[in-house]
Structure formats: structure tokens, C-alpha cells
Amino acid sequence: ETAVYKRKDFERLVSTLADYMLDVTEGAGLINSGDAGSALRDALAVIVTDNFKHRDPYDGKYRDITVEDK
């Protein structure tokens, strides 16, 4: 069984994670070289689908994450 995210919702999730990570790295004194945001979004999209599961709030089961095609 899989949890299917709508493309728009998944992109929002990945963008939020990337923005947060950029804020944290900036607070640590690291400076974005210009393309860090898009690189982070691309990497996080793979990391989330390959290394995380979604816990269904209704039945408590963990499911692999997939994303609708555009």
C-alpha cells in the first residue's frame, strides 16, 4: 500500500523543508551560492520518497510515499 501525494502538495512539502533548511544553514553562517535552493528541493524530493514513510492518521499504518504524475 502506498500514500499518494498530489504533485502540488508534495512540492509544497519539499519547498517548506528546503526553505527551513536554508534558514538553518544561514543561521550557522553558511552562505547560499545561488542554486542551493533548487538543489535542496531536488535532493529532498528523492530523500523523502526513498527514506520516509507516511503514517495514515486514520488507521495508523505506515505507507510508502508516491507522488502523482503531473
Protein backbone atom coordinates (compact mmCIF):
# COMPACT_ATOMS: atom_id res chain seq x y z
CA GLU A 1 0.00 0.00 0.00
CA THR A 2 1.18 3.50 -0.75
CA ALA A 3 0.30 7.02 0.24
CA VAL A 4 -0.19 9.08 -2.89
CA TYR A 5 0.56 12.79 -2.61
CA LYS A 6 -0.82 15.26 -5.11
CA ARG A 7 2.05 16.86 -7.01
CA LYS A 8 1.15 20.33 -5.71
CA ASP A 9 1.07 19.15 -2.08
CA PHE A 10 4.34 17.25 -2.40
CA GLU A 11 6.08 20.25 -3.97
CA ARG A 12 4.82 22.42 -1.11
CA LEU A 13 6.18 19.92 1.44
CA VAL A 14 9.59 19.75 -0.25
CA SER A 15 9.77 23.55 -0.65
CA THR A 16 8.91 24.08 3.02
CA LEU A 17 11.62 21.62 4.10
CA ALA A 18 14.18 23.24 1.78
CA ASP A 19 13.32 26.77 2.97
CA TYR A 20 13.67 25.68 6.58
CA MET A 21 17.00 24.02 5.87
CA LEU A 22 18.27 27.14 4.08
CA ASP A 23 17.29 29.25 7.10
CA VAL A 24 19.12 26.90 9.46
CA THR A 25 22.27 26.84 7.34
CA GLU A 26 22.22 30.64 7.06
CA GLY A 27 21.95 30.83 10.85
CA ALA A 28 25.02 28.59 11.02
CA GLY A 29 26.96 31.10 8.90
CA LEU A 30 26.74 29.29 5.56
CA ILE A 31 26.01 31.41 2.51
CA ASN A 32 23.83 30.15 -0.36
CA SER A 33 25.93 30.07 -3.52
CA GLY A 34 22.90 30.76 -5.68
CA ASP A 35 21.50 27.37 -6.63
CA ALA A 36 21.30 25.76 -3.20
CA GLY A 37 17.50 26.13 -3.04
CA SER A 38 16.79 24.17 -6.20
CA ALA A 39 19.49 21.61 -5.37
CA LEU A 40 17.97 21.09 -1.93
CA ARG A 41 14.46 20.71 -3.34
CA ASP A 42 15.64 18.13 -5.87
CA ALA A 43 17.57 16.17 -3.24
CA LEU A 44 14.78 16.33 -0.67
CA ALA A 45 12.22 15.06 -3.17
CA VAL A 46 14.31 11.91 -3.56
CA ILE A 47 15.14 11.61 0.14
CA VAL A 48 11.51 11.91 1.22
CA THR A 49 10.19 9.30 -1.21
CA ASP A 50 13.10 6.87 -0.71
CA ASN A 51 13.69 7.16 3.04
CA PHE A 52 10.45 8.18 4.73
CA LYS A 53 7.02 6.68 5.14
CA HIS A 54 3.64 8.29 5.68
CA ARG A 55 1.66 7.32 8.78
CA ASP A 56 -2.04 7.27 7.99
CA PRO A 57 -3.88 9.30 10.64
CA TYR A 58 -6.98 7.10 10.32
CA ASP A 59 -5.62 3.58 10.63
CA GLY A 60 -2.10 4.27 11.95
CA LYS A 61 -0.45 2.19 9.20
CA TYR A 62 2.82 3.26 7.60
CA ARG A 63 2.86 3.50 3.83
CA ASP A 64 5.46 4.17 1.14
CA ILE A 65 5.19 7.62 -0.41
CA THR A 66 4.43 8.15 -4.08
CA VAL A 67 3.62 11.32 -5.99
CA GLU A 68 1.00 11.77 -8.70
CA ASP A 69 2.32 12.43 -12.17
CA LYS A 70 1.83 15.97 -13.39
